[in-house]
């Protein structure tokens, strides 16, 4: 059944290459953004579970 659905699509051989390029681009952007983070922001995020006394988000106020 699925073979019949995809048989009518033209240029189907380009799809895996396109998907691979999209994944590689997304992965590269995430890695670059991760290495560009400031050390202060990383330390603040790492300490979030340890800050039990701070209220991060109050609803209704």
PDB file of N, CA and C in Angstrom:
ATOM      1  N   UNK A   1       0.825  -1.188   0.000  1.00  0.00           N
ATOM      2  CA  UNK A   1       0.000   0.000   0.000  1.00  0.00           C
ATOM      3  C   UNK A   1       0.873   1.257   0.000  1.00  0.00           C
ATOM      4  N   UNK A   2       1.874   1.331   0.886  1.00  0.00           N
ATOM      5  CA  UNK A   2       2.723   2.517   0.953  1.00  0.00           C
ATOM      6  C   UNK A   2       3.603   2.646  -0.287  1.00  0.00           C
ATOM      7  N   UNK A   3       3.917   1.531  -0.905  1.00  0.00           N
ATOM      8  CA  UNK A   3       4.724   1.553  -2.117  1.00  0.00           C
ATOM      9  C   UNK A   3       3.997   2.307  -3.232  1.00  0.00           C
ATOM     10  N   UNK A   4       2.691   2.146  -3.288  1.00  0.00           N
ATOM     11  CA  UNK A   4       1.888   2.831  -4.298  1.00  0.00           C
ATOM     12  C   UNK A   4       1.802   4.332  -4.038  1.00  0.00           C
ATOM     13  N   UNK A   5       1.809   4.728  -2.793  1.00  0.00           N
ATOM     14  CA  UNK A   5       1.726   6.149  -2.449  1.00  0.00           C
ATOM     15  C   UNK A   5       2.990   6.864  -2.899  1.00  0.00           C
ATOM     16  N   UNK A   6       4.142   6.292  -2.629  1.00  0.00           N
ATOM     17  CA  UNK A   6       5.402   6.943  -2.954  1.00  0.00           C
ATOM     18  C   UNK A   6       5.825   6.757  -4.403  1.00  0.00           C
ATOM     19  N   UNK A   7       5.183   5.865  -5.122  1.00  0.00           N
ATOM     20  CA  UNK A   7       5.598   5.620  -6.503  1.00  0.00           C
ATOM     21  C   UNK A   7       5.276   6.791  -7.420  1.00  0.00           C
ATOM     22  N   UNK A   8       4.296   7.596  -7.077  1.00  0.00           N
ATOM     23  CA  UNK A   8       3.919   8.725  -7.919  1.00  0.00           C
ATOM     24  C   UNK A   8       4.715   9.989  -7.648  1.00  0.00           C
ATOM     25  N   UNK A   9       5.564   9.994  -6.649  1.00  0.00           N
ATOM     26  CA  UNK A   9       6.327  11.184  -6.290  1.00  0.00           C
ATOM     27  C   UNK A   9       7.560  11.282  -7.179  1.00  0.00           C
ATOM     28  N   UNK A  10       7.707  12.437  -7.804  1.00  0.00           N
ATOM     29  CA  UNK A  10       8.887  12.647  -8.652  1.00  0.00           C
ATOM     30  C   UNK A  10      10.075  13.080  -7.797  1.00  0.00           C
ATOM     31  N   UNK A  11      11.269  12.773  -8.247  1.00  0.00           N
ATOM     32  CA  UNK A  11      12.526  13.154  -7.579  1.00  0.00           C
ATOM     33  C   UNK A  11      12.578  12.662  -6.129  1.00  0.00           C
ATOM     34  N   UNK A  12      12.102  11.475  -5.907  1.00  0.00           N
ATOM     35  CA  UNK A  12      12.089  10.912  -4.554  1.00  0.00           C
ATOM     36  C   UNK A  12      13.498  10.621  -4.047  1.00  0.00           C
ATOM     37  N   UNK A  13      14.442  10.411  -4.949  1.00  0.00           N
ATOM     38  CA  UNK A  13      15.815  10.104  -4.528  1.00  0.00           C
ATOM     39  C   UNK A  13      16.508  11.306  -3.904  1.00  0.00           C
ATOM     40  N   UNK A  14      15.950  12.502  -4.076  1.00  0.00           N
ATOM     41  CA  UNK A  14      16.537  13.719  -3.508  1.00  0.00           C
ATOM     42  C   UNK A  14      16.137  13.875  -2.041  1.00  0.00           C
ATOM     43  N   UNK A  15      15.042  13.280  -1.646  1.00  0.00           N
ATOM     44  CA  UNK A  15      14.520  13.447  -0.291  1.00  0.00           C
ATOM     45  C   UNK A  15      15.505  13.021   0.801  1.00  0.00           C
ATOM     46  N   UNK A  16      16.142  11.854   0.723  1.00  0.00           N
ATOM     47  CA  UNK A  16      17.094  11.492   1.790  1.00  0.00           C
ATOM     48  C   UNK A  16      18.269  12.461   1.897  1.00  0.00           C
ATOM     49  N   UNK A  17      18.737  12.966   0.776  1.00  0.00           N
ATOM     50  CA  UNK A  17      19.842  13.934   0.804  1.00  0.00           C
ATOM     51  C   UNK A  17      19.383  15.229   1.466  1.00  0.00           C
ATOM     52  N   UNK A  18      18.181  15.679   1.121  1.00  0.00           N
ATOM     53  CA  UNK A  18      17.630  16.899   1.708  1.00  0.00           C
ATOM     54  C   UNK A  18      17.454  16.757   3.218  1.00  0.00           C
ATOM     55  N   UNK A  19      16.928  15.618   3.648  1.00  0.00           N
ATOM     56  CA  UNK A  19      16.715  15.384   5.081  1.00  0.00           C
ATOM     57  C   UNK A  19      18.050  15.318   5.818  1.00  0.00           C
ATOM     58  N   UNK A  20      19.046  14.683   5.215  1.00  0.00           N
ATOM     59  CA  UNK A  20      20.375  14.611   5.827  1.00  0.00           C
ATOM     60  C   UNK A  20      20.977  16.010   5.967  1.00  0.00           C
ATOM     61  N   UNK A  21      20.845  16.828   4.944  1.00  0.00           N
ATOM     62  CA  UNK A  21      21.370  18.194   5.016  1.00  0.00           C
ATOM     63  C   UNK A  21      20.643  19.025   6.063  1.00  0.00           C
ATOM     64  N   UNK A  22      19.329  18.836   6.176  1.00  0.00           N
ATOM     65  CA  UNK A  22      18.579  19.557   7.218  1.00  0.00           C
ATOM     66  C   UNK A  22      19.042  19.145   8.604  1.00  0.00           C
ATOM     67  N   UNK A  23      19.207  17.843   8.831  1.00  0.00           N
ATOM     68  CA  UNK A  23      19.669  17.360  10.129  1.00  0.00           C
ATOM     69  C   UNK A  23      21.065  17.881  10.437  1.00  0.00           C
ATOM     70  N   UNK A  24      21.954  17.807   9.466  1.00  0.00           N
ATOM     71  CA  UNK A  24      23.326  18.252   9.675  1.00  0.00           C
ATOM     72  C   UNK A  24      23.365  19.751   9.987  1.00  0.00           C
ATOM     73  N   UNK A  25      22.561  20.543   9.281  1.00  0.00           N
ATOM     74  CA  UNK A  25      22.503  21.982   9.529  1.00  0.00           C
ATOM     75  C   UNK A  25      21.977  22.265  10.936  1.00  0.00           C
ATOM     76  N   UNK A  26      20.897  21.603  11.316  1.00  0.00           N
ATOM     77  CA  UNK A  26      20.328  21.794  12.645  1.00  0.00           C
ATOM     78  C   UNK A  26      21.320  21.387  13.732  1.00  0.00           C
ATOM     79  N   UNK A  27      21.960  20.231  13.561  1.00  0.00           N
ATOM     80  CA  UNK A  27      22.939  19.748  14.535  1.00  0.00           C
ATOM     81  C   UNK A  27      24.107  20.720  14.652  1.00  0.00           C
ATOM     82  N   UNK A  28      24.593  21.222  13.536  1.00  0.00           N
ATOM     83  CA  UNK A  28      25.704  22.171  13.541  1.00  0.00           C
ATOM     84  C   UNK A  28      25.317  23.459  14.254  1.00  0.00           C
ATOM     85  N   UNK A  29      24.109  23.957  14.003  1.00  0.00           N
ATOM     86  CA  UNK A  29      23.655  25.177  14.679  1.00  0.00           C
ATOM     87  C   UNK A  29      23.552  24.971  16.190  1.00  0.00           C
ATOM     88  N   UNK A  30      23.067  23.820  16.615  1.00  0.00           N
ATOM     89  CA  UNK A  30      22.962  23.550  18.050  1.00  0.00           C
ATOM     90  C   UNK A  30      24.347  23.477  18.689  1.00  0.00           C
ATOM     91  N   UNK A  31      25.290  22.829  18.031  1.00  0.00           N
ATOM     92  CA  UNK A  31      26.648  22.723  18.565  1.00  0.00           C
ATOM     93  C   UNK A  31      27.299  24.101  18.646  1.00  0.00           C
ATOM     94  N   UNK A  32      27.149  24.912  17.617  1.00  0.00           N
ATOM     95  CA  UNK A  32      27.740  26.258  17.616  1.00  0.00           C
ATOM     96  C   UNK A  32      27.114  27.103  18.714  1.00  0.00           C
ATOM     97  N   UNK A  33      25.797  27.032  18.859  1.00  0.00           N
ATOM     98  CA  UNK A  33      25.122  27.815  19.898  1.00  0.00           C
ATOM     99  C   UNK A  33      25.559  27.365  21.296  1.00  0.00           C
ATOM    100  N   UNK A  34      25.762  26.071  21.464  1.00  0.00           N
ATOM    101  CA  UNK A  34      26.204  25.547  22.753  1.00  0.00           C
ATOM    102  C   UNK A  34      27.594  26.059  23.116  1.00  0.00           C
ATOM    103  N   UNK A  35      28.502  26.077  22.153  1.00  0.00           N
ATOM    104  CA  UNK A  35      29.853  26.550  22.444  1.00  0.00           C
ATOM    105  C   UNK A  35      29.910  28.063  22.609  1.00  0.00           C
ATOM    106  N   UNK A  36      28.913  28.787  22.148  1.00  0.00           N
ATOM    107  CA  UNK A  36      28.907  30.244  22.273  1.00  0.00           C
ATOM    108  C   UNK A  36      28.230  30.724  23.556  1.00  0.00           C
ATOM    109  N   UNK A  37      27.694  29.797  24.359  1.00  0.00           N
ATOM    110  CA  UNK A  37      27.054  30.191  25.610  1.00  0.00           C
ATOM    111  C   UNK A  37      28.075  30.811  26.558  1.00  0.00           C
ATOM    112  N   UNK A  38      27.604  31.799  27.299  1.00  0.00           N
ATOM    113  CA  UNK A  38      28.477  32.397  28.305  1.00  0.00           C
ATOM    114  C   UNK A  38      28.582  31.460  29.499  1.00  0.00           C
ATOM    115  N   UNK A  39      29.733  31.470  30.135  1.00  0.00           N
ATOM    116  CA  UNK A  39      29.970  30.584  31.273  1.00  0.00           C
ATOM    117  C   UNK A  39      29.022  30.915  32.423  1.00  0.00           C
ATOM    118  N   UNK A  40      28.681  32.166  32.580  1.00  0.00           N
ATOM    119  CA  UNK A  40      27.752  32.579  33.633  1.00  0.00           C
ATOM    120  C   UNK A  40      26.372  31.945  33.427  1.00  0.00           C
ATOM    121  N   UNK A  41      25.892  31.927  32.191  1.00  0.00           N
ATOM    122  CA  UNK A  41      24.593  31.322  31.898  1.00  0.00           C
ATOM    123  C   UNK A  41      24.609  29.823  32.146  1.00  0.00           C
ATOM    124  N   UNK A  42      25.706  29.169  31.807  1.00  0.00           N
ATOM    125  CA  UNK A  42      25.826  27.726  32.034  1.00  0.00           C
ATOM    126  C   UNK A  42      25.829  27.435  33.529  1.00  0.00           C
ATOM    127  N   UNK A  43      26.546  28.228  34.304  1.00  0.00           N
ATOM    128  CA  UNK A  43      26.588  28.028  35.754  1.00  0.00           C
ATOM    129  C   UNK A  43      25.223  28.276  36.390  1.00  0.00           C
ATOM    130  N   UNK A  44      24.505  29.303  35.915  1.00  0.00           N
ATOM    131  CA  UNK A  44      23.166  29.561  36.444  1.00  0.00           C
ATOM    132  C   UNK A  44      22.231  28.401  36.137  1.00  0.00           C
ATOM    133  N   UNK A  45      22.292  27.864  34.945  1.00  0.00           N
ATOM    134  CA  UNK A  45      21.444  26.730  34.583  1.00  0.00           C
ATOM    135  C   UNK A  45      21.835  25.483  35.369  1.00  0.00           C
ATOM    136  N   UNK A  46      23.100  25.302  35.636  1.00  0.00           N
ATOM    137  CA  UNK A  46      23.554  24.134  36.392  1.00  0.00           C
ATOM    138  C   UNK A  46      23.113  24.204  37.844  1.00  0.00           C
ATOM    139  N   UNK A  47      22.944  25.407  38.376  1.00  0.00           N
ATOM    140  CA  UNK A  47      22.580  25.562  39.778  1.00  0.00           C
ATOM    141  C   UNK A  47      21.074  25.632  40.016  1.00  0.00           C
ATOM    142  N   UNK A  48      20.269  25.561  38.991  1.00  0.00           N
ATOM    143  CA  UNK A  48      18.819  25.645  39.166  1.00  0.00           C
ATOM    144  C   UNK A  48      18.283  24.552  40.092  1.00  0.00           C
ATOM    145  N   UNK A  49      18.694  23.294  39.961  1.00  0.00           N
ATOM    146  CA  UNK A  49      18.154  22.273  40.878  1.00  0.00           C
ATOM    147  C   UNK A  49      18.592  22.481  42.325  1.00  0.00           C
ATOM    148  N   UNK A  50      19.664  23.198  42.555  1.00  0.00           N
ATOM    149  CA  UNK A  50      20.178  23.389  43.911  1.00  0.00           C
ATOM    150  C   UNK A  50      19.558  24.583  44.620  1.00  0.00           C
ATOM    151  N   UNK A  51      18.878  25.442  43.891  1.00  0.00           N
ATOM    152  CA  UNK A  51      18.287  26.652  44.467  1.00  0.00           C
ATOM    153  C   UNK A  51      16.855  26.362  44.899  1.00  0.00           C
ATOM    154  N   UNK A  52      16.695  25.690  46.043  1.00  0.00           N
ATOM    155  CA  UNK A  52      15.360  25.329  46.521  1.00  0.00           C
ATOM    156  C   UNK A  52      14.632  26.520  47.125  1.00  0.00           C
ATOM    157  N   UNK A  53      15.332  27.502  47.628  1.00  0.00           N
ATOM    158  CA  UNK A  53      14.703  28.616  48.314  1.00  0.00           C
ATOM    159  C   UNK A  53      14.146  29.673  47.369  1.00  0.00           C
ATOM    160  N   UNK A  54      14.600  29.697  46.147  1.00  0.00           N
ATOM    161  CA  UNK A  54      14.136  30.702  45.196  1.00  0.00           C
ATOM    162  C   UNK A  54      12.870  30.225  44.488  1.00  0.00           C
ATOM    163  N   UNK A  55      11.938  31.152  44.339  1.00  0.00           N
ATOM    164  CA  UNK A  55      10.739  30.865  43.566  1.00  0.00           C
ATOM    165  C   UNK A  55      10.999  31.381  42.165  1.00  0.00           C
ATOM    166  N   UNK A  56      10.969  30.484  41.199  1.00  0.00           N
ATOM    167  CA  UNK A  56      11.312  30.875  39.834  1.00  0.00           C
ATOM    168  C   UNK A  56      10.134  31.534  39.138  1.00  0.00           C
ATOM    169  N   UNK A  57       8.928  30.994  39.344  1.00  0.00           N
ATOM    170  CA  UNK A  57       7.761  31.517  38.641  1.00  0.00           C
ATOM    171  C   UNK A  57       6.578  31.471  39.591  1.00  0.00           C
ATOM    172  N   UNK A  58       5.975  32.631  39.835  1.00  0.00           N
ATOM    173  CA  UNK A  58       4.790  32.688  40.664  1.00  0.00           C
ATOM    174  C   UNK A  58       3.601  32.988  39.766  1.00  0.00           C
ATOM    175  N   UNK A  59       2.593  32.167  39.859  1.00  0.00           N
ATOM    176  CA  UNK A  59       1.383  32.393  39.054  1.00  0.00           C
ATOM    177  C   UNK A  59       0.435  33.316  39.801  1.00  0.00           C
ATOM    178  N   UNK A  60      -0.175  34.186  39.049  1.00  0.00           N
ATOM    179  CA  UNK A  60      -1.176  35.065  39.652  1.00  0.00           C
ATOM    180  C   UNK A  60      -0.610  36.310  40.281  1.00  0.00           C
ATOM    181  N   UNK A  61       0.669  36.557  40.151  1.00  0.00           N
ATOM    182  CA  UNK A  61       1.242  37.769  40.747  1.00  0.00           C
ATOM    183  C   UNK A  61       1.988  38.545  39.699  1.00  0.00           C
TER     184      UNK A  61
END
